[in-house]
Every structure is written in structure tokens, then in C-alpha cells.
């Protein structure tokens, strides 16, 4: 019983959606060998997504293989105000994808395989366009590359922010203990006299 409960929890952790299911054949010396190829996308709707492509003699075998493959290659998407951090244009082979951030209430305005990956990632508002090929596998991989590019940009932004936050005032110049207080006063008096002369 405890093993079954663990398996059920693992399955509920990620939602899965079949992007493409194709029947493929391979010509061998004994004849044609027929198999099924499943393209699967998974996500927890909290920023974690993955994809898997696997073949099997049966549809269920192919889907299970693809699910296990997708779990091994998960990526995290930075979600800011229910959308992506910035605009991105990605080209992968013949696939070309444009993604843009959108304000609240816009919804997911992307088609095809990219829409599926956006829904599974938990993005509520996003605009996009598939500019290249209509190949579902390539478009899905291009979308994942786009999501990974946000991760890098978010890191670089944090690093630059941390660098900018460091004020120059933190650097303390050691004071010369040998300088007398009277010398300091006389120097201030000289500056005041120069200012008065300038005003005249």
C-alpha cells in the first residue's frame, strides 16, 4: 500500500499532455517494424516544465518512456506577475518562436505546442507567434530553449543589481591621526575667506 501511494503522489506532482502521437515504421531484413512515437510535455504549473520523446511497441509504453525522460530534463521558468520577464526570439533548426510578456487579463495568446508548454508552466498571460516550421517537436524544443534563456537573463539581472546596490560610501578612507584640529580649523577659515572675496 505505501508504495502505491508514493507512485500516485509522483504522478499528481506533474500534469502531462500528449503533444504528438505518431505511428512510425522501420524497414528491417524481416520486413517492416511498426512502433509508436509519443511526444509528451509535463509541468507542475509552478514554473517547472519538461518534454520527452520516446518510442514503444504500444502507446502506453511510449507515453511512460516519454514521461520518465521528461522528468529527468526539467527546467525552471522565472514567472513575474503571471508572465515572462521579457521578450525573446528563438530559432531552433527550422522552428522560430517569438514570445512577449502581457498584462493581466490577456490570457495565453499562443498556438500549437507552445500554448501547451505555457499552460503547464503556469503562465497566465503571454503573447507569442510561431514564425517558422509547424513541426510540433521542433516548436516544443524551441519553446523550452526560450524558457531557459529567461533563467540566464534573470541571473545576470540579479548580479548587476547586487553590484549596483553596493554604495561607494562603504569604502572608508583612514584618517591621518597626525593632523591637528587647529590646522583643520585654519583650512576652513581660508575657504570661507575665498568665498567672501568671490562674492564681492
C-alpha atoms as a PDB file:
ATOM      1  CA  UNK A   1       0.000   0.000   0.000  1.00  0.00           C
ATOM      2  CA  UNK A   2       2.652   2.625   0.854  1.00  0.00           C
ATOM      3  CA  UNK A   3       4.415   2.019  -2.488  1.00  0.00           C
ATOM      4  CA  UNK A   4       1.183   2.614  -4.420  1.00  0.00           C
ATOM      5  CA  UNK A   5       0.556   5.852  -2.505  1.00  0.00           C
ATOM      6  CA  UNK A   6       4.063   7.101  -3.363  1.00  0.00           C
ATOM      7  CA  UNK A   7       3.527   6.382  -7.067  1.00  0.00           C
ATOM      8  CA  UNK A   8       0.188   8.219  -7.025  1.00  0.00           C
ATOM      9  CA  UNK A   9       1.786  11.270  -5.398  1.00  0.00           C
ATOM     10  CA  UNK A  10       4.567  11.344  -8.006  1.00  0.00           C
ATOM     11  CA  UNK A  11       2.022  11.189 -10.833  1.00  0.00           C
ATOM     12  CA  UNK A  12      -0.007  14.059  -9.333  1.00  0.00           C
ATOM     13  CA  UNK A  13       3.097  16.228  -8.976  1.00  0.00           C
ATOM     14  CA  UNK A  14       3.267  16.849 -12.744  1.00  0.00           C
ATOM     15  CA  UNK A  15       0.457  17.277 -15.227  1.00  0.00           C
ATOM     16  CA  UNK A  16       1.145  15.634 -18.576  1.00  0.00           C
ATOM     17  CA  UNK A  17      -0.173  16.349 -22.044  1.00  0.00           C
ATOM     18  CA  UNK A  18       0.490  14.462 -25.281  1.00  0.00           C
ATOM     19  CA  UNK A  19       1.698  16.941 -27.904  1.00  0.00           C
ATOM     20  CA  UNK A  20       2.091  14.448 -30.751  1.00  0.00           C
ATOM     21  CA  UNK A  21       1.447  10.740 -31.248  1.00  0.00           C
ATOM     22  CA  UNK A  22       2.706   9.140 -34.459  1.00  0.00           C
ATOM     23  CA  UNK A  23       2.926   5.635 -35.870  1.00  0.00           C
ATOM     24  CA  UNK A  24       6.414   5.078 -37.271  1.00  0.00           C
ATOM     25  CA  UNK A  25       7.808   2.147 -39.255  1.00  0.00           C
ATOM     26  CA  UNK A  26      11.316   0.844 -39.615  1.00  0.00           C
ATOM     27  CA  UNK A  27      12.320  -1.360 -42.526  1.00  0.00           C
ATOM     28  CA  UNK A  28      14.351  -4.407 -41.468  1.00  0.00           C
ATOM     29  CA  UNK A  29      15.522  -7.565 -43.242  1.00  0.00           C
ATOM     30  CA  UNK A  30      12.445  -9.414 -41.944  1.00  0.00           C
ATOM     31  CA  UNK A  31      10.041  -6.681 -43.093  1.00  0.00           C
ATOM     32  CA  UNK A  32       8.568  -3.502 -41.660  1.00  0.00           C
ATOM     33  CA  UNK A  33       8.628  -2.986 -37.898  1.00  0.00           C
ATOM     34  CA  UNK A  34       5.821  -0.732 -36.625  1.00  0.00           C
ATOM     35  CA  UNK A  35       6.159   1.299 -33.430  1.00  0.00           C
ATOM     36  CA  UNK A  36       4.550   4.338 -31.755  1.00  0.00           C
ATOM     37  CA  UNK A  37       6.349   7.627 -31.070  1.00  0.00           C
ATOM     38  CA  UNK A  38       4.961   9.794 -28.254  1.00  0.00           C
ATOM     39  CA  UNK A  39       5.910  13.445 -27.694  1.00  0.00           C
ATOM     40  CA  UNK A  40       4.940  14.458 -24.178  1.00  0.00           C
ATOM     41  CA  UNK A  41       5.085  17.731 -22.216  1.00  0.00           C
ATOM     42  CA  UNK A  42       4.892  17.831 -18.416  1.00  0.00           C
ATOM     43  CA  UNK A  43       4.640  20.651 -15.865  1.00  0.00           C
ATOM     44  CA  UNK A  44       3.585  21.477 -12.308  1.00  0.00           C
ATOM     45  CA  UNK A  45       2.075  24.908 -13.185  1.00  0.00           C
ATOM     46  CA  UNK A  46       4.577  26.474 -10.764  1.00  0.00           C
ATOM     47  CA  UNK A  47       7.432  27.129 -13.189  1.00  0.00           C
ATOM     48  CA  UNK A  48       8.801  23.599 -13.772  1.00  0.00           C
ATOM     49  CA  UNK A  49       8.420  22.062 -17.237  1.00  0.00           C
ATOM     50  CA  UNK A  50       9.939  19.286 -19.335  1.00  0.00           C
ATOM     51  CA  UNK A  51       9.482  17.326 -22.536  1.00  0.00           C
ATOM     52  CA  UNK A  52      10.175  13.787 -23.672  1.00  0.00           C
ATOM     53  CA  UNK A  53      10.114  11.923 -26.985  1.00  0.00           C
ATOM     54  CA  UNK A  54      10.079   8.115 -26.851  1.00  0.00           C
ATOM     55  CA  UNK A  55       9.083   5.088 -28.924  1.00  0.00           C
ATOM     56  CA  UNK A  56       7.398   1.860 -27.908  1.00  0.00           C
ATOM     57  CA  UNK A  57       5.564  -1.155 -29.250  1.00  0.00           C
ATOM     58  CA  UNK A  58       2.405   0.128 -27.533  1.00  0.00           C
ATOM     59  CA  UNK A  59       1.063   3.673 -26.951  1.00  0.00           C
ATOM     60  CA  UNK A  60       1.151   3.330 -23.134  1.00  0.00           C
ATOM     61  CA  UNK A  61       4.780   2.098 -23.211  1.00  0.00           C
ATOM     62  CA  UNK A  62       5.802   5.061 -25.405  1.00  0.00           C
ATOM     63  CA  UNK A  63       3.969   7.548 -23.147  1.00  0.00           C
ATOM     64  CA  UNK A  64       5.523   6.133 -19.958  1.00  0.00           C
ATOM     65  CA  UNK A  65       9.007   6.247 -21.510  1.00  0.00           C
ATOM     66  CA  UNK A  66       8.465   9.854 -22.627  1.00  0.00           C
ATOM     67  CA  UNK A  67       7.205  10.816 -19.126  1.00  0.00           C
ATOM     68  CA  UNK A  68      10.295   9.348 -17.430  1.00  0.00           C
ATOM     69  CA  UNK A  69      12.537  11.108 -19.957  1.00  0.00           C
ATOM     70  CA  UNK A  70      10.789  14.456 -19.373  1.00  0.00           C
ATOM     71  CA  UNK A  71      11.190  14.134 -15.568  1.00  0.00           C
ATOM     72  CA  UNK A  72      14.963  13.785 -16.000  1.00  0.00           C
ATOM     73  CA  UNK A  73      15.226  17.005 -18.033  1.00  0.00           C
ATOM     74  CA  UNK A  74      13.158  19.533 -16.082  1.00  0.00           C
ATOM     75  CA  UNK A  75      13.771  23.266 -16.393  1.00  0.00           C
ATOM     76  CA  UNK A  76      12.537  26.162 -14.248  1.00  0.00           C
ATOM     77  CA  UNK A  77      10.807  29.206 -15.749  1.00  0.00           C
ATOM     78  CA  UNK A  78      11.024  32.573 -13.931  1.00  0.00           C
ATOM     79  CA  UNK A  79       7.421  33.875 -13.678  1.00  0.00           C
ATOM     80  CA  UNK A  80       6.989  37.591 -12.890  1.00  0.00           C
ATOM     81  CA  UNK A  81       3.410  38.894 -12.416  1.00  0.00           C
ATOM     82  CA  UNK A  82       1.984  35.751 -14.095  1.00  0.00           C
ATOM     83  CA  UNK A  83       4.015  36.401 -17.262  1.00  0.00           C
ATOM     84  CA  UNK A  84       7.561  36.120 -18.666  1.00  0.00           C
ATOM     85  CA  UNK A  85      10.305  38.612 -17.700  1.00  0.00           C
ATOM     86  CA  UNK A  86      10.992  39.998 -21.201  1.00  0.00           C
ATOM     87  CA  UNK A  87      10.543  39.483 -24.940  1.00  0.00           C
ATOM     88  CA  UNK A  88      12.530  36.719 -26.631  1.00  0.00           C
ATOM     89  CA  UNK A  89      13.012  35.440 -30.190  1.00  0.00           C
ATOM     90  CA  UNK A  90      14.428  31.914 -30.521  1.00  0.00           C
ATOM     91  CA  UNK A  91      15.396  29.924 -33.611  1.00  0.00           C
ATOM     92  CA  UNK A  92      15.897  26.161 -33.344  1.00  0.00           C
ATOM     93  CA  UNK A  93      16.532  24.390 -36.681  1.00  0.00           C
ATOM     94  CA  UNK A  94      13.574  25.446 -38.896  1.00  0.00           C
ATOM     95  CA  UNK A  95      11.412  26.495 -35.910  1.00  0.00           C
ATOM     96  CA  UNK A  96      11.274  30.173 -34.965  1.00  0.00           C
ATOM     97  CA  UNK A  97       9.310  31.424 -31.943  1.00  0.00           C
ATOM     98  CA  UNK A  98       8.560  34.912 -30.630  1.00  0.00           C
ATOM     99  CA  UNK A  99       7.340  35.317 -27.041  1.00  0.00           C
ATOM    100  CA  UNK A 100       6.248  38.593 -25.406  1.00  0.00           C
ATOM    101  CA  UNK A 101       5.148  39.479 -21.852  1.00  0.00           C
ATOM    102  CA  UNK A 102       1.496  40.537 -21.480  1.00  0.00           C
ATOM    103  CA  UNK A 103      -0.520  42.455 -18.843  1.00  0.00           C
ATOM    104  CA  UNK A 104      -3.052  40.772 -16.538  1.00  0.00           C
ATOM    105  CA  UNK A 105      -6.273  39.648 -18.228  1.00  0.00           C
ATOM    106  CA  UNK A 106      -4.644  38.975 -21.609  1.00  0.00           C
ATOM    107  CA  UNK A 107      -4.549  35.186 -21.313  1.00  0.00           C
ATOM    108  CA  UNK A 108      -2.380  32.813 -23.364  1.00  0.00           C
ATOM    109  CA  UNK A 109      -2.331  34.071 -26.946  1.00  0.00           C
ATOM    110  CA  UNK A 110      -0.038  31.441 -28.470  1.00  0.00           C
ATOM    111  CA  UNK A 111      -0.924  28.469 -30.646  1.00  0.00           C
ATOM    112  CA  UNK A 112       0.219  24.902 -31.168  1.00  0.00           C
ATOM    113  CA  UNK A 113       2.764  23.156 -28.963  1.00  0.00           C
ATOM    114  CA  UNK A 114       3.932  26.456 -27.424  1.00  0.00           C
ATOM    115  CA  UNK A 115       0.486  27.005 -25.871  1.00  0.00           C
ATOM    116  CA  UNK A 116       0.663  23.605 -24.147  1.00  0.00           C
ATOM    117  CA  UNK A 117       4.084  24.327 -22.605  1.00  0.00           C
ATOM    118  CA  UNK A 118       2.945  27.790 -21.424  1.00  0.00           C
ATOM    119  CA  UNK A 119      -0.143  26.315 -19.721  1.00  0.00           C
ATOM    120  CA  UNK A 120       1.908  23.597 -17.996  1.00  0.00           C
ATOM    121  CA  UNK A 121       4.486  26.185 -16.835  1.00  0.00           C
ATOM    122  CA  UNK A 122       1.751  28.200 -15.101  1.00  0.00           C
ATOM    123  CA  UNK A 123       1.949  31.319 -17.280  1.00  0.00           C
ATOM    124  CA  UNK A 124      -1.448  33.075 -17.199  1.00  0.00           C
ATOM    125  CA  UNK A 125      -0.657  35.984 -19.556  1.00  0.00           C
ATOM    126  CA  UNK A 126       1.616  35.735 -22.597  1.00  0.00           C
ATOM    127  CA  UNK A 127       1.675  36.685 -26.269  1.00  0.00           C
ATOM    128  CA  UNK A 128       3.523  34.726 -28.920  1.00  0.00           C
ATOM    129  CA  UNK A 129       3.846  33.717 -32.534  1.00  0.00           C
ATOM    130  CA  UNK A 130       5.214  30.671 -34.376  1.00  0.00           C
ATOM    131  CA  UNK A 131       7.152  32.196 -37.272  1.00  0.00           C
ATOM    132  CA  UNK A 132       8.940  29.170 -38.722  1.00  0.00           C
ATOM    133  CA  UNK A 133       8.099  25.498 -39.146  1.00  0.00           C
ATOM    134  CA  UNK A 134       4.892  23.801 -37.963  1.00  0.00           C
ATOM    135  CA  UNK A 135       6.854  20.776 -36.696  1.00  0.00           C
ATOM    136  CA  UNK A 136       5.493  20.171 -33.170  1.00  0.00           C
ATOM    137  CA  UNK A 137       8.689  18.624 -31.762  1.00  0.00           C
ATOM    138  CA  UNK A 138      10.934  21.437 -33.013  1.00  0.00           C
ATOM    139  CA  UNK A 139       8.485  24.118 -31.824  1.00  0.00           C
ATOM    140  CA  UNK A 140       8.318  22.481 -28.394  1.00  0.00           C
ATOM    141  CA  UNK A 141      12.121  22.350 -28.136  1.00  0.00           C
ATOM    142  CA  UNK A 142      12.378  25.984 -29.289  1.00  0.00           C
ATOM    143  CA  UNK A 143       9.879  26.963 -26.552  1.00  0.00           C
ATOM    144  CA  UNK A 144      11.977  25.163 -23.909  1.00  0.00           C
ATOM    145  CA  UNK A 145      15.144  26.944 -25.137  1.00  0.00           C
ATOM    146  CA  UNK A 146      13.247  30.245 -24.843  1.00  0.00           C
ATOM    147  CA  UNK A 147      12.233  29.411 -21.258  1.00  0.00           C
ATOM    148  CA  UNK A 148      15.858  28.570 -20.397  1.00  0.00           C
ATOM    149  CA  UNK A 149      17.041  31.915 -21.798  1.00  0.00           C
ATOM    150  CA  UNK A 150      14.882  33.729 -19.188  1.00  0.00           C
ATOM    151  CA  UNK A 151      16.711  31.850 -16.439  1.00  0.00           C
ATOM    152  CA  UNK A 152      20.095  33.163 -17.634  1.00  0.00           C
ATOM    153  CA  UNK A 153      18.845  36.736 -18.056  1.00  0.00           C
ATOM    154  CA  UNK A 154      17.248  36.706 -14.593  1.00  0.00           C
ATOM    155  CA  UNK A 155      20.567  35.628 -13.057  1.00  0.00           C
ATOM    156  CA  UNK A 156      22.507  38.342 -14.874  1.00  0.00           C
ATOM    157  CA  UNK A 157      19.948  40.963 -13.770  1.00  0.00           C
ATOM    158  CA  UNK A 158      20.340  39.875 -10.125  1.00  0.00           C
ATOM    159  CA  UNK A 159      24.130  40.048 -10.381  1.00  0.00           C
ATOM    160  CA  UNK A 160      24.042  43.557 -11.874  1.00  0.00           C
ATOM    161  CA  UNK A 161      21.509  44.660  -9.230  1.00  0.00           C
ATOM    162  CA  UNK A 162      23.773  43.374  -6.457  1.00  0.00           C
ATOM    163  CA  UNK A 163      26.727  45.240  -7.969  1.00  0.00           C
ATOM    164  CA  UNK A 164      24.728  48.478  -8.228  1.00  0.00           C
ATOM    165  CA  UNK A 165      23.439  48.178  -4.666  1.00  0.00           C
ATOM    166  CA  UNK A 166      26.965  48.433  -3.211  1.00  0.00           C
ATOM    167  CA  UNK A 167      27.431  52.162  -2.377  1.00  0.00           C
ATOM    168  CA  UNK A 168      30.767  53.905  -2.763  1.00  0.00           C
ATOM    169  CA  UNK A 169      30.402  55.304   0.788  1.00  0.00           C
ATOM    170  CA  UNK A 170      31.229  51.874   2.198  1.00  0.00           C
ATOM    171  CA  UNK A 171      34.909  52.399   1.347  1.00  0.00           C
ATOM    172  CA  UNK A 172      36.399  54.088   4.413  1.00  0.00           C
ATOM    173  CA  UNK A 173      39.491  56.244   3.957  1.00  0.00           C
ATOM    174  CA  UNK A 174      41.780  56.044   7.004  1.00  0.00           C
ATOM    175  CA  UNK A 175      42.114  59.393   8.748  1.00  0.00           C
ATOM    176  CA  UNK A 176      45.552  60.875   9.397  1.00  0.00           C
ATOM    177  CA  UNK A 177      45.972  60.990  13.168  1.00  0.00           C
ATOM    178  CA  UNK A 178      48.919  63.415  12.928  1.00  0.00           C
ATOM    179  CA  UNK A 179      46.734  66.257  11.580  1.00  0.00           C
ATOM    180  CA  UNK A 180      45.878  68.757  14.340  1.00  0.00           C
ATOM    181  CA  UNK A 181      42.362  70.099  14.893  1.00  0.00           C
ATOM    182  CA  UNK A 182      43.730  73.677  14.717  1.00  0.00           C
ATOM    183  CA  UNK A 183      45.098  73.033  11.196  1.00  0.00           C
ATOM    184  CA  UNK A 184      41.640  71.844  10.131  1.00  0.00           C
ATOM    185  CA  UNK A 185      40.030  74.994  11.537  1.00  0.00           C
ATOM    186  CA  UNK A 186      42.528  77.262   9.787  1.00  0.00           C
ATOM    187  CA  UNK A 187      41.859  75.472   6.476  1.00  0.00           C
ATOM    188  CA  UNK A 188      38.094  76.070   6.899  1.00  0.00           C
ATOM    189  CA  UNK A 189      38.701  79.761   7.619  1.00  0.00           C
ATOM    190  CA  UNK A 190      40.762  80.098   4.424  1.00  0.00           C
ATOM    191  CA  UNK A 191      37.944  78.569   2.344  1.00  0.00           C
ATOM    192  CA  UNK A 192      35.410  80.973   3.909  1.00  0.00           C
ATOM    193  CA  UNK A 193      37.631  83.970   3.087  1.00  0.00           C
ATOM    194  CA  UNK A 194      37.968  82.847  -0.549  1.00  0.00           C
ATOM    195  CA  UNK A 195      34.173  82.517  -0.847  1.00  0.00           C
ATOM    196  CA  UNK A 196      33.641  86.030   0.579  1.00  0.00           C
ATOM    197  CA  UNK A 197      36.177  87.508  -1.899  1.00  0.00           C
ATOM    198  CA  UNK A 198      34.411  85.792  -4.769  1.00  0.00           C
ATOM    199  CA  UNK A 199      31.034  87.264  -3.711  1.00  0.00           C
ATOM    200  CA  UNK A 200      32.491  90.810  -3.709  1.00  0.00           C
END
